[in-house]
PDB file of N, CA and C in Angstrom:
ATOM      1  N   MET A   1      -9.483 121.034  -3.503  1.00  0.00           N
ATOM      2  CA  MET A   1      -9.512 120.605  -2.114  1.00  0.00           C
ATOM      3  C   MET A   1      -8.709 119.316  -1.981  1.00  0.00           C
ATOM      4  N   ALA A   2      -7.836 119.258  -1.007  1.00  0.00           N
ATOM      5  CA  ALA A   2      -7.002 118.079  -0.794  1.00  0.00           C
ATOM      6  C   ALA A   2      -7.713 117.086   0.119  1.00  0.00           C
ATOM      7  N   LYS A   3      -7.366 115.824  -0.047  1.00  0.00           N
ATOM      8  CA  LYS A   3      -7.973 114.756   0.737  1.00  0.00           C
ATOM      9  C   LYS A   3      -6.905 114.129   1.630  1.00  0.00           C
ATOM     10  N   TYR A   4      -7.271 113.909   2.904  1.00  0.00           N
ATOM     11  CA  TYR A   4      -6.362 113.348   3.896  1.00  0.00           C
ATOM     12  C   TYR A   4      -7.017 112.172   4.601  1.00  0.00           C
ATOM     13  N   VAL A   5      -6.198 111.239   5.031  1.00  0.00           N
ATOM     14  CA  VAL A   5      -6.688 110.148   5.867  1.00  0.00           C
ATOM     15  C   VAL A   5      -6.081 110.354   7.260  1.00  0.00           C
ATOM     16  N   VAL A   6      -6.935 110.218   8.261  1.00  0.00           N
ATOM     17  CA  VAL A   6      -6.530 110.294   9.656  1.00  0.00           C
ATOM     18  C   VAL A   6      -6.529 108.861  10.172  1.00  0.00           C
ATOM     19  N   LEU A   7      -5.356 108.344  10.518  1.00  0.00           N
ATOM     20  CA  LEU A   7      -5.202 106.951  10.934  1.00  0.00           C
ATOM     21  C   LEU A   7      -5.090 106.882  12.449  1.00  0.00           C
ATOM     22  N   ILE A   8      -5.938 106.067  13.055  1.00  0.00           N
ATOM     23  CA  ILE A   8      -6.006 105.998  14.512  1.00  0.00           C
ATOM     24  C   ILE A   8      -5.484 104.641  14.987  1.00  0.00           C
ATOM     25  N   PRO A   9      -4.327 104.647  15.653  1.00  0.00           N
ATOM     26  CA  PRO A   9      -3.794 103.400  16.190  1.00  0.00           C
ATOM     27  C   PRO A   9      -4.355 103.135  17.578  1.00  0.00           C
ATOM     28  N   GLY A  10      -4.260 101.905  18.011  1.00  0.00           N
ATOM     29  CA  GLY A  10      -4.689 101.576  19.364  1.00  0.00           C
ATOM     30  C   GLY A  10      -4.269 100.167  19.724  1.00  0.00           C
ATOM     31  N   ASN A  11      -4.349  99.866  21.000  1.00  0.00           N
ATOM     32  CA  ASN A  11      -4.052  98.533  21.487  1.00  0.00           C
ATOM     33  C   ASN A  11      -5.378  97.801  21.669  1.00  0.00           C
ATOM     34  N   GLU A  12      -5.624  96.807  20.842  1.00  0.00           N
ATOM     35  CA  GLU A  12      -6.914  96.103  20.854  1.00  0.00           C
ATOM     36  C   GLU A  12      -7.184  95.407  22.184  1.00  0.00           C
ATOM     37  N   ASP A  13      -6.171  94.831  22.800  1.00  0.00           N
ATOM     38  CA  ASP A  13      -6.378  94.147  24.077  1.00  0.00           C
ATOM     39  C   ASP A  13      -6.761  95.139  25.170  1.00  0.00           C
ATOM     40  N   THR A  14      -6.124  96.301  25.169  1.00  0.00           N
ATOM     41  CA  THR A  14      -6.473  97.332  26.143  1.00  0.00           C
ATOM     42  C   THR A  14      -7.903  97.806  25.916  1.00  0.00           C
ATOM     43  N   TRP A  15      -8.267  98.017  24.647  1.00  0.00           N
ATOM     44  CA  TRP A  15      -9.626  98.466  24.323  1.00  0.00           C
ATOM     45  C   TRP A  15     -10.657  97.430  24.765  1.00  0.00           C
ATOM     46  N   ASP A  16     -10.385  96.166  24.535  1.00  0.00           N
ATOM     47  CA  ASP A  16     -11.318  95.111  24.939  1.00  0.00           C
ATOM     48  C   ASP A  16     -11.557  95.115  26.445  1.00  0.00           C
ATOM     49  N   ALA A  17     -10.552  95.511  27.217  1.00  0.00           N
ATOM     50  CA  ALA A  17     -10.659  95.538  28.677  1.00  0.00           C
ATOM     51  C   ALA A  17     -11.197  96.871  29.212  1.00  0.00           C
ATOM     52  N   THR A  18     -11.447  97.821  28.327  1.00  0.00           N
ATOM     53  CA  THR A  18     -11.896  99.148  28.742  1.00  0.00           C
ATOM     54  C   THR A  18     -13.365  99.096  29.155  1.00  0.00           C
ATOM     55  N   PRO A  19     -13.696  99.622  30.340  1.00  0.00           N
ATOM     56  CA  PRO A  19     -15.097  99.653  30.777  1.00  0.00           C
ATOM     57  C   PRO A  19     -15.960 100.487  29.828  1.00  0.00           C
ATOM     58  N   GLN A  20     -17.225 100.138  29.731  1.00  0.00           N
ATOM     59  CA  GLN A  20     -18.145 100.803  28.805  1.00  0.00           C
ATOM     60  C   GLN A  20     -18.193 102.312  29.040  1.00  0.00           C
ATOM     61  N   GLU A  21     -18.146 102.744  30.289  1.00  0.00           N
ATOM     62  CA  GLU A  21     -18.189 104.183  30.589  1.00  0.00           C
ATOM     63  C   GLU A  21     -16.996 104.903  29.961  1.00  0.00           C
ATOM     64  N   ASP A  22     -15.820 104.301  30.021  1.00  0.00           N
ATOM     65  CA  ASP A  22     -14.631 104.900  29.414  1.00  0.00           C
ATOM     66  C   ASP A  22     -14.689 104.831  27.887  1.00  0.00           C
ATOM     67  N   ARG A  23     -15.248 103.763  27.365  1.00  0.00           N
ATOM     68  CA  ARG A  23     -15.426 103.665  25.903  1.00  0.00           C
ATOM     69  C   ARG A  23     -16.343 104.783  25.415  1.00  0.00           C
ATOM     70  N   GLN A  24     -17.402 105.039  26.166  1.00  0.00           N
ATOM     71  CA  GLN A  24     -18.354 106.081  25.775  1.00  0.00           C
ATOM     72  C   GLN A  24     -17.679 107.444  25.749  1.00  0.00           C
ATOM     73  N   ARG A  25     -16.756 107.687  26.682  1.00  0.00           N
ATOM     74  CA  ARG A  25     -16.013 108.939  26.686  1.00  0.00           C
ATOM     75  C   ARG A  25     -15.209 109.091  25.395  1.00  0.00           C
ATOM     76  N   VAL A  26     -14.602 108.003  24.932  1.00  0.00           N
ATOM     77  CA  VAL A  26     -13.833 108.036  23.682  1.00  0.00           C
ATOM     78  C   VAL A  26     -14.766 108.264  22.495  1.00  0.00           C
ATOM     79  N   TYR A  27     -15.893 107.563  22.465  1.00  0.00           N
ATOM     80  CA  TYR A  27     -16.855 107.770  21.379  1.00  0.00           C
ATOM     81  C   TYR A  27     -17.354 109.217  21.362  1.00  0.00           C
ATOM     82  N   ASN A  28     -17.584 109.788  22.539  1.00  0.00           N
ATOM     83  CA  ASN A  28     -18.012 111.186  22.616  1.00  0.00           C
ATOM     84  C   ASN A  28     -16.953 112.120  22.049  1.00  0.00           C
ATOM     85  N   ALA A  29     -15.688 111.814  22.308  1.00  0.00           N
ATOM     86  CA  ALA A  29     -14.605 112.630  21.755  1.00  0.00           C
ATOM     87  C   ALA A  29     -14.620 112.584  20.230  1.00  0.00           C
ATOM     88  N   HIS A  30     -14.931 111.434  19.668  1.00  0.00           N
ATOM     89  CA  HIS A  30     -15.008 111.323  18.206  1.00  0.00           C
ATOM     90  C   HIS A  30     -16.190 112.114  17.663  1.00  0.00           C
ATOM     91  N   MET A  31     -17.287 112.139  18.377  1.00  0.00           N
ATOM     92  CA  MET A  31     -18.431 112.949  17.953  1.00  0.00           C
ATOM     93  C   MET A  31     -18.083 114.440  18.020  1.00  0.00           C
ATOM     94  N   GLU A  32     -17.347 114.842  19.058  1.00  0.00           N
ATOM     95  CA  GLU A  32     -16.896 116.233  19.170  1.00  0.00           C
ATOM     96  C   GLU A  32     -15.935 116.574  18.028  1.00  0.00           C
ATOM     97  N   PHE A  33     -15.078 115.634  17.665  1.00  0.00           N
ATOM     98  CA  PHE A  33     -14.159 115.828  16.548  1.00  0.00           C
ATOM     99  C   PHE A  33     -14.940 116.062  15.257  1.00  0.00           C
ATOM    100  N   ALA A  34     -15.951 115.255  15.001  1.00  0.00           N
ATOM    101  CA  ALA A  34     -16.766 115.411  13.786  1.00  0.00           C
ATOM    102  C   ALA A  34     -17.457 116.771  13.765  1.00  0.00           C
ATOM    103  N   LYS A  35     -17.959 117.206  14.906  1.00  0.00           N
ATOM    104  CA  LYS A  35     -18.612 118.522  14.984  1.00  0.00           C
ATOM    105  C   LYS A  35     -17.594 119.635  14.757  1.00  0.00           C
ATOM    106  N   LEU A  36     -16.416 119.500  15.346  1.00  0.00           N
ATOM    107  CA  LEU A  36     -15.357 120.480  15.171  1.00  0.00           C
ATOM    108  C   LEU A  36     -14.971 120.614  13.696  1.00  0.00           C
ATOM    109  N   LEU A  37     -14.853 119.473  13.012  1.00  0.00           N
ATOM    110  CA  LEU A  37     -14.548 119.506  11.579  1.00  0.00           C
ATOM    111  C   LEU A  37     -15.596 120.294  10.815  1.00  0.00           C
ATOM    112  N   ALA A  38     -16.859 119.990  11.063  1.00  0.00           N
ATOM    113  CA  ALA A  38     -17.952 120.667  10.352  1.00  0.00           C
ATOM    114  C   ALA A  38     -17.965 122.162  10.672  1.00  0.00           C
ATOM    115  N   ASP A  39     -17.803 122.514  11.940  1.00  0.00           N
ATOM    116  CA  ASP A  39     -17.827 123.914  12.352  1.00  0.00           C
ATOM    117  C   ASP A  39     -16.709 124.724  11.715  1.00  0.00           C
ATOM    118  N   ARG A  40     -15.594 124.057  11.379  1.00  0.00           N
ATOM    119  CA  ARG A  40     -14.437 124.765  10.847  1.00  0.00           C
ATOM    120  C   ARG A  40     -14.279 124.589   9.342  1.00  0.00           C
ATOM    121  N   GLY A  41     -15.288 124.022   8.680  1.00  0.00           N
ATOM    122  CA  GLY A  41     -15.306 123.981   7.219  1.00  0.00           C
ATOM    123  C   GLY A  41     -14.607 122.813   6.563  1.00  0.00           C
ATOM    124  N   HIS A  42     -14.246 121.809   7.325  1.00  0.00           N
ATOM    125  CA  HIS A  42     -13.641 120.610   6.744  1.00  0.00           C
ATOM    126  C   HIS A  42     -14.766 119.653   6.354  1.00  0.00           C
ATOM    127  N   SER A  43     -14.551 118.876   5.308  1.00  0.00           N
ATOM    128  CA  SER A  43     -15.584 117.956   4.829  1.00  0.00           C
ATOM    129  C   SER A  43     -15.249 116.523   5.237  1.00  0.00           C
ATOM    130  N   PHE A  44     -16.126 115.942   6.020  1.00  0.00           N
ATOM    131  CA  PHE A  44     -16.006 114.542   6.418  1.00  0.00           C
ATOM    132  C   PHE A  44     -16.451 113.700   5.237  1.00  0.00           C
ATOM    133  N   VAL A  45     -15.586 112.819   4.750  1.00  0.00           N
ATOM    134  CA  VAL A  45     -15.902 111.967   3.611  1.00  0.00           C
ATOM    135  C   VAL A  45     -16.342 110.585   4.096  1.00  0.00           C
ATOM    136  N   GLU A  46     -15.557 110.024   5.009  1.00  0.00           N
ATOM    137  CA  GLU A  46     -15.831 108.668   5.473  1.00  0.00           C
ATOM    138  C   GLU A  46     -15.027 108.422   6.741  1.00  0.00           C
ATOM    139  N   GLY A  47     -15.466 107.468   7.524  1.00  0.00           N
ATOM    140  CA  GLY A  47     -14.713 107.063   8.699  1.00  0.00           C
ATOM    141  C   GLY A  47     -15.334 105.825   9.298  1.00  0.00           C
ATOM    142  N   ALA A  48     -14.524 105.074  10.034  1.00  0.00           N
ATOM    143  CA  ALA A  48     -15.043 103.858  10.652  1.00  0.00           C
ATOM    144  C   ALA A  48     -14.096 103.355  11.726  1.00  0.00           C
ATOM    145  N   GLU A  49     -14.682 102.676  12.702  1.00  0.00           N
ATOM    146  CA  GLU A  49     -13.900 101.871  13.627  1.00  0.00           C
ATOM    147  C   GLU A  49     -13.721 100.526  12.935  1.00  0.00           C
ATOM    148  N   LEU A  50     -12.538  99.957  13.017  1.00  0.00           N
ATOM    149  CA  LEU A  50     -12.252  98.698  12.337  1.00  0.00           C
ATOM    150  C   LEU A  50     -12.382  97.513  13.297  1.00  0.00           C
ATOM    151  N   VAL A  51     -12.710  96.353  12.759  1.00  0.00           N
ATOM    152  CA  VAL A  51     -12.742  95.134  13.568  1.00  0.00           C
ATOM    153  C   VAL A  51     -11.314  94.790  13.984  1.00  0.00           C
ATOM    154  N   ARG A  52     -11.184  93.907  14.945  1.00  0.00           N
ATOM    155  CA  ARG A  52      -9.862  93.495  15.436  1.00  0.00           C
ATOM    156  C   ARG A  52      -8.990  92.973  14.294  1.00  0.00           C
ATOM    157  N   SER A  53      -7.698  93.194  14.432  1.00  0.00           N
ATOM    158  CA  SER A  53      -6.761  92.784  13.381  1.00  0.00           C
ATOM    159  C   SER A  53      -6.704  91.268  13.207  1.00  0.00           C
ATOM    160  N   ASP A  54      -7.092  90.500  14.229  1.00  0.00           N
ATOM    161  CA  ASP A  54      -7.082  89.047  14.062  1.00  0.00           C
ATOM    162  C   ASP A  54      -8.238  88.567  13.184  1.00  0.00           C
ATOM    163  N   GLN A  55      -9.107  89.488  12.766  1.00  0.00           N
ATOM    164  CA  GLN A  55     -10.166  89.164  11.820  1.00  0.00           C
ATOM    165  C   GLN A  55      -9.802  89.597  10.399  1.00  0.00           C
ATOM    166  N   ALA A  56      -8.611  90.148  10.243  1.00  0.00           N
ATOM    167  CA  ALA A  56      -8.135  90.574   8.922  1.00  0.00           C
ATOM    168  C   ALA A  56      -7.749  89.358   8.090  1.00  0.00           C
ATOM    169  N   ARG A  57      -7.705  89.538   6.815  1.00  0.00           N
ATOM    170  CA  ARG A  57      -7.214  88.524   5.884  1.00  0.00           C
ATOM    171  C   ARG A  57      -6.027  89.119   5.149  1.00  0.00           C
ATOM    172  N   ILE A  58      -4.945  88.374   5.096  1.00  0.00           N
ATOM    173  CA  ILE A  58      -3.742  88.822   4.413  1.00  0.00           C
ATOM    174  C   ILE A  58      -3.696  88.110   3.065  1.00  0.00           C
ATOM    175  N   VAL A  59      -3.633  88.887   1.999  1.00  0.00           N
ATOM    176  CA  VAL A  59      -3.689  88.361   0.638  1.00  0.00           C
ATOM    177  C   VAL A  59      -2.331  88.564  -0.029  1.00  0.00           C
ATOM    178  N   SER A  60      -1.830  87.521  -0.679  1.00  0.00           N
ATOM    179  CA  SER A  60      -0.598  87.623  -1.459  1.00  0.00           C
ATOM    180  C   SER A  60      -0.767  86.800  -2.718  1.00  0.00           C
ATOM    181  N   GLY A  61       0.136  87.001  -3.656  1.00  0.00           N
ATOM    182  CA  GLY A  61       0.073  86.250  -4.903  1.00  0.00           C
ATOM    183  C   GLY A  61      -0.330  87.126  -6.060  1.00  0.00           C
ATOM    184  N   SER A  62      -1.038  86.515  -7.012  1.00  0.00           N
ATOM    185  CA  SER A  62      -1.520  87.243  -8.178  1.00  0.00           C
ATOM    186  C   SER A  62      -2.972  86.851  -8.420  1.00  0.00           C
ATOM    187  N   VAL A  63      -3.583  87.419  -9.429  1.00  0.00           N
ATOM    188  CA  VAL A  63      -5.012  87.229  -9.679  1.00  0.00           C
ATOM    189  C   VAL A  63      -5.413  85.758  -9.722  1.00  0.00           C
ATOM    190  N   ASP A  64      -4.675  84.946 -10.418  1.00  0.00           N
ATOM    191  CA  ASP A  64      -5.048  83.537 -10.565  1.00  0.00           C
ATOM    192  C   ASP A  64      -4.386  82.609  -9.555  1.00  0.00           C
ATOM    193  N   ASP A  65      -3.548  83.155  -8.676  1.00  0.00           N
ATOM    194  CA  ASP A  65      -2.839  82.334  -7.702  1.00  0.00           C
ATOM    195  C   ASP A  65      -2.751  83.097  -6.382  1.00  0.00           C
ATOM    196  N   VAL A  66      -3.862  83.172  -5.684  1.00  0.00           N
ATOM    197  CA  VAL A  66      -3.959  83.963  -4.461  1.00  0.00           C
ATOM    198  C   VAL A  66      -3.817  83.067  -3.238  1.00  0.00           C
ATOM    199  N   THR A  67      -3.042  83.546  -2.284  1.00  0.00           N
ATOM    200  CA  THR A  67      -2.932  82.890  -0.988  1.00  0.00           C
ATOM    201  C   THR A  67      -3.539  83.836   0.039  1.00  0.00           C
ATOM    202  N   VAL A  68      -4.448  83.310   0.854  1.00  0.00           N
ATOM    203  CA  VAL A  68      -5.099  84.114   1.885  1.00  0.00           C
ATOM    204  C   VAL A  68      -4.804  83.471   3.227  1.00  0.00           C
ATOM    205  N   THR A  69      -4.290  84.272   4.144  1.00  0.00           N
ATOM    206  CA  THR A  69      -4.027  83.799   5.504  1.00  0.00           C
ATOM    207  C   THR A  69      -4.744  84.712   6.491  1.00  0.00           C
ATOM    208  N   ASP A  70      -4.921  84.219   7.702  1.00  0.00           N
ATOM    209  CA  ASP A  70      -5.544  85.037   8.738  1.00  0.00           C
ATOM    210  C   ASP A  70      -4.569  86.095   9.212  1.00  0.00           C
ATOM    211  N   GLY A  71      -5.130  87.241   9.613  1.00  0.00           N
ATOM    212  CA  GLY A  71      -4.321  88.348  10.114  1.00  0.00           C
ATOM    213  C   GLY A  71      -3.903  88.112  11.547  1.00  0.00           C
ATOM    214  N   PRO A  72      -3.199  89.042  12.122  1.00  0.00           N
ATOM    215  CA  PRO A  72      -2.886  90.362  11.565  1.00  0.00           C
ATOM    216  C   PRO A  72      -1.662  90.334  10.647  1.00  0.00           C
ATOM    217  N   TYR A  73      -1.498  91.422   9.907  1.00  0.00           N
ATOM    218  CA  TYR A  73      -0.378  91.540   8.985  1.00  0.00           C
ATOM    219  C   TYR A  73       0.943  91.531   9.740  1.00  0.00           C
ATOM    220  N   ALA A  74       1.002  92.268  10.855  1.00  0.00           N
ATOM    221  CA  ALA A  74       2.237  92.356  11.644  1.00  0.00           C
ATOM    222  C   ALA A  74       1.914  92.203  13.122  1.00  0.00           C
ATOM    223  N   GLU A  75       2.805  91.578  13.832  1.00  0.00           N
ATOM    224  CA  GLU A  75       2.670  91.497  15.291  1.00  0.00           C
ATOM    225  C   GLU A  75       3.153  92.827  15.861  1.00  0.00           C
ATOM    226  N   ALA A  76       2.281  93.515  16.567  1.00  0.00           N
ATOM    227  CA  ALA A  76       2.639  94.806  17.135  1.00  0.00           C
ATOM    228  C   ALA A  76       1.757  95.091  18.341  1.00  0.00           C
ATOM    229  N   ALA A  77       2.234  95.976  19.207  1.00  0.00           N
ATOM    230  CA  ALA A  77       1.449  96.361  20.382  1.00  0.00           C
ATOM    231  C   ALA A  77       0.251  97.200  19.964  1.00  0.00           C
ATOM    232  N   GLU A  78       0.404  97.991  18.895  1.00  0.00           N
ATOM    233  CA  GLU A  78      -0.686  98.828  18.406  1.00  0.00           C
ATOM    234  C   GLU A  78      -1.127  98.345  17.033  1.00  0.00           C
ATOM    235  N   GLN A  79      -2.401  98.488  16.772  1.00  0.00           N
ATOM    236  CA  GLN A  79      -2.971  98.124  15.486  1.00  0.00           C
ATOM    237  C   GLN A  79      -3.731  99.340  14.945  1.00  0.00           C
ATOM    238  N   LEU A  80      -4.019  99.321  13.659  1.00  0.00           N
ATOM    239  CA  LEU A  80      -4.881 100.345  13.076  1.00  0.00           C
ATOM    240  C   LEU A  80      -6.305 100.027  13.518  1.00  0.00           C
ATOM    241  N   THR A  81      -6.903 100.921  14.312  1.00  0.00           N
ATOM    242  CA  THR A  81      -8.222 100.636  14.884  1.00  0.00           C
ATOM    243  C   THR A  81      -9.343 101.451  14.254  1.00  0.00           C
ATOM    244  N   GLY A  82      -8.987 102.487  13.499  1.00  0.00           N
ATOM    245  CA  GLY A  82     -10.014 103.299  12.858  1.00  0.00           C
ATOM    246  C   GLY A  82      -9.391 104.322  11.936  1.00  0.00           C
ATOM    247  N   PHE A  83     -10.248 105.011  11.190  1.00  0.00           N
ATOM    248  CA  PHE A  83      -9.760 106.015  10.251  1.00  0.00           C
ATOM    249  C   PHE A  83     -10.871 107.013   9.932  1.00  0.00           C
ATOM    250  N   TYR A  84     -10.449 108.166   9.437  1.00  0.00           N
ATOM    251  CA  TYR A  84     -11.343 109.166   8.848  1.00  0.00           C
ATOM    252  C   TYR A  84     -10.736 109.572   7.513  1.00  0.00           C
ATOM    253  N   VAL A  85     -11.571 109.923   6.560  1.00  0.00           N
ATOM    254  CA  VAL A  85     -11.130 110.567   5.328  1.00  0.00           C
ATOM    255  C   VAL A  85     -11.747 111.958   5.348  1.00  0.00           C
ATOM    256  N   ILE A  86     -10.896 112.974   5.223  1.00  0.00           N
ATOM    257  CA  ILE A  86     -11.320 114.367   5.331  1.00  0.00           C
ATOM    258  C   ILE A  86     -10.847 115.129   4.101  1.00  0.00           C
ATOM    259  N   GLU A  87     -11.707 115.978   3.559  1.00  0.00           N
ATOM    260  CA  GLU A  87     -11.316 116.909   2.499  1.00  0.00           C
ATOM    261  C   GLU A  87     -11.237 118.300   3.112  1.00  0.00           C
ATOM    262  N   THR A  88     -10.162 119.009   2.772  1.00  0.00           N
ATOM    263  CA  THR A  88      -9.993 120.349   3.329  1.00  0.00           C
ATOM    264  C   THR A  88      -9.043 121.172   2.471  1.00  0.00           C
ATOM    265  N   GLU A  89      -9.159 122.460   2.598  1.00  0.00           N
ATOM    266  CA  GLU A  89      -8.208 123.386   1.990  1.00  0.00           C
ATOM    267  C   GLU A  89      -7.228 123.916   3.027  1.00  0.00           C
ATOM    268  N   ASP A  90      -7.424 123.553   4.294  1.00  0.00           N
ATOM    269  CA  ASP A  90      -6.621 124.108   5.382  1.00  0.00           C
ATOM    270  C   ASP A  90      -6.017 122.994   6.235  1.00  0.00           C
ATOM    271  N   LEU A  91      -4.882 122.468   5.786  1.00  0.00           N
ATOM    272  CA  LEU A  91      -4.215 121.379   6.501  1.00  0.00           C
ATOM    273  C   LEU A  91      -3.847 121.799   7.919  1.00  0.00           C
ATOM    274  N   ASP A  92      -3.340 123.012   8.085  1.00  0.00           N
ATOM    275  CA  ASP A  92      -2.925 123.448   9.415  1.00  0.00           C
ATOM    276  C   ASP A  92      -4.089 123.389  10.402  1.00  0.00           C
ATOM    277  N   ASP A  93      -5.258 123.832   9.987  1.00  0.00           N
ATOM    278  CA  ASP A  93      -6.404 123.785  10.883  1.00  0.00           C
ATOM    279  C   ASP A  93      -6.869 122.348  11.103  1.00  0.00           C
ATOM    280  N   LEU A  94      -6.819 121.518  10.050  1.00  0.00           N
ATOM    281  CA  LEU A  94      -7.172 120.108  10.220  1.00  0.00           C
ATOM    282  C   LEU A  94      -6.292 119.468  11.281  1.00  0.00           C
ATOM    283  N   LEU A  95      -4.991 119.751  11.241  1.00  0.00           N
ATOM    284  CA  LEU A  95      -4.075 119.174  12.220  1.00  0.00           C
ATOM    285  C   LEU A  95      -4.420 119.637  13.636  1.00  0.00           C
ATOM    286  N   ARG A  96      -4.849 120.895  13.772  1.00  0.00           N
ATOM    287  CA  ARG A  96      -5.282 121.369  15.089  1.00  0.00           C
ATOM    288  C   ARG A  96      -6.532 120.611  15.544  1.00  0.00           C
ATOM    289  N   CYS A  97      -7.461 120.373  14.617  1.00  0.00           N
ATOM    290  CA  CYS A  97      -8.677 119.619  14.952  1.00  0.00           C
ATOM    291  C   CYS A  97      -8.339 118.192  15.372  1.00  0.00           C
ATOM    292  N   VAL A  98      -7.387 117.577  14.701  1.00  0.00           N
ATOM    293  CA  VAL A  98      -6.977 116.212  15.031  1.00  0.00           C
ATOM    294  C   VAL A  98      -6.439 116.152  16.461  1.00  0.00           C
ATOM    295  N   GLY A  99      -5.930 117.274  16.938  1.00  0.00           N
ATOM    296  CA  GLY A  99      -5.483 117.333  18.325  1.00  0.00           C
ATOM    297  C   GLY A  99      -6.572 116.935  19.303  1.00  0.00           C
ATOM    298  N   ARG A 100      -7.837 117.095  18.929  1.00  0.00           N
ATOM    299  CA  ARG A 100      -8.946 116.669  19.799  1.00  0.00           C
ATOM    300  C   ARG A 100      -8.920 115.165  19.999  1.00  0.00           C
ATOM    301  N   LEU A 101      -8.525 114.431  18.987  1.00  0.00           N
ATOM    302  CA  LEU A 101      -8.442 112.976  19.112  1.00  0.00           C
ATOM    303  C   LEU A 101      -7.217 112.554  19.919  1.00  0.00           C
ATOM    304  N   CYS A 102      -6.158 113.321  19.834  1.00  0.00           N
ATOM    305  CA  CYS A 102      -4.914 112.945  20.515  1.00  0.00           C
ATOM    306  C   CYS A 102      -5.084 112.873  22.023  1.00  0.00           C
ATOM    307  N   SER A 103      -5.967 113.686  22.582  1.00  0.00           N
ATOM    308  CA  SER A 103      -6.129 113.657  24.033  1.00  0.00           C
ATOM    309  C   SER A 103      -6.696 112.326  24.508  1.00  0.00           C
ATOM    310  N   ASP A 104      -7.410 111.614  23.647  1.00  0.00           N
ATOM    311  CA  ASP A 104      -7.966 110.311  24.010  1.00  0.00           C
ATOM    312  C   ASP A 104      -7.220 109.154  23.353  1.00  0.00           C
ATOM    313  N   GLU A 105      -6.704 109.360  22.169  1.00  0.00           N
ATOM    314  CA  GLU A 105      -6.122 108.278  21.387  1.00  0.00           C
ATOM    315  C   GLU A 105      -4.595 108.243  21.456  1.00  0.00           C
ATOM    316  N   GLY A 106      -3.972 109.262  22.018  1.00  0.00           N
ATOM    317  CA  GLY A 106      -2.516 109.345  21.973  1.00  0.00           C
ATOM    318  C   GLY A 106      -2.094 109.991  20.669  1.00  0.00           C
ATOM    319  N   ARG A 107      -1.142 109.413  19.987  1.00  0.00           N
ATOM    320  CA  ARG A 107      -0.694 109.973  18.713  1.00  0.00           C
ATOM    321  C   ARG A 107      -1.574 109.466  17.581  1.00  0.00           C
ATOM    322  N   VAL A 108      -1.853 110.355  16.636  1.00  0.00           N
ATOM    323  CA  VAL A 108      -2.688 110.039  15.479  1.00  0.00           C
ATOM    324  C   VAL A 108      -1.906 110.450  14.237  1.00  0.00           C
ATOM    325  N   GLU A 109      -1.982 109.631  13.183  1.00  0.00           N
ATOM    326  CA  GLU A 109      -1.251 109.900  11.947  1.00  0.00           C
ATOM    327  C   GLU A 109      -2.180 110.524  10.912  1.00  0.00           C
ATOM    328  N   VAL A 110      -1.697 111.541  10.207  1.00  0.00           N
ATOM    329  CA  VAL A 110      -2.444 112.189   9.123  1.00  0.00           C
ATOM    330  C   VAL A 110      -1.593 112.076   7.870  1.00  0.00           C
ATOM    331  N   ARG A 111      -2.200 111.565   6.782  1.00  0.00           N
ATOM    332  CA  ARG A 111      -1.496 111.441   5.508  1.00  0.00           C
ATOM    333  C   ARG A 111      -2.354 111.989   4.390  1.00  0.00           C
ATOM    334  N   ALA A 112      -1.689 112.660   3.449  1.00  0.00           N
ATOM    335  CA  ALA A 112      -2.369 113.142   2.247  1.00  0.00           C
ATOM    336  C   ALA A 112      -2.529 111.997   1.262  1.00  0.00           C
ATOM    337  N   TYR A 113      -3.585 112.055   0.498  1.00  0.00           N
ATOM    338  CA  TYR A 113      -3.710 111.131  -0.639  1.00  0.00           C
ATOM    339  C   TYR A 113      -2.590 111.475  -1.614  1.00  0.00           C
ATOM    340  N   ALA A 114      -2.032 110.481  -2.272  1.00  0.00           N
ATOM    341  CA  ALA A 114      -0.949 110.716  -3.235  1.00  0.00           C
ATOM    342  C   ALA A 114      -1.429 111.695  -4.306  1.00  0.00           C
ATOM    343  N   GLY A 115      -0.592 112.642  -4.603  1.00  0.00           N
ATOM    344  CA  GLY A 115      -0.930 113.624  -5.635  1.00  0.00           C
ATOM    345  C   GLY A 115      -1.617 114.856  -5.098  1.00  0.00           C
ATOM    346  N   GLY A 116      -1.813 114.967  -3.794  1.00  0.00           N
ATOM    347  CA  GLY A 116      -2.466 116.158  -3.266  1.00  0.00           C
ATOM    348  C   GLY A 116      -2.177 116.363  -1.800  1.00  0.00           C
ATOM    349  N   GLY A 117      -2.130 117.616  -1.397  1.00  0.00           N
ATOM    350  CA  GLY A 117      -1.935 117.939   0.004  1.00  0.00           C
ATOM    351  C   GLY A 117      -0.486 117.938   0.414  1.00  0.00           C
ATOM    352  N   MET A 118      -0.294 118.033   1.707  1.00  0.00           N
ATOM    353  CA  MET A 118       1.012 118.119   2.376  1.00  0.00           C
ATOM    354  C   MET A 118       2.078 118.507   1.406  1.00  0.00           C
TER     355      MET A 118
END
């Protein structure tokens, strides 16, 4: 079984300004996505909404000489706002399931773990 990560981009400032009713609609879409995965035989491994990118820490250097700065890593209109890790034998069907997120999230990126899938 191959393992894939579903990367969900978003605009943090837009999300912060989103009314709770609209946020709930997005959360409901994610719950429908999880149910769709289970109904179609895909295995949900892990997933999470991430904190704002300005709470990230950027690490550089080496083990004994580390420099840590506040995030974000890159200035961009969109940030990585969440992810899922999915195991499946059917990439084509997984991609169709991810389409459920696209209606609320826009474009979503799917990547195979190195050494397996795609």
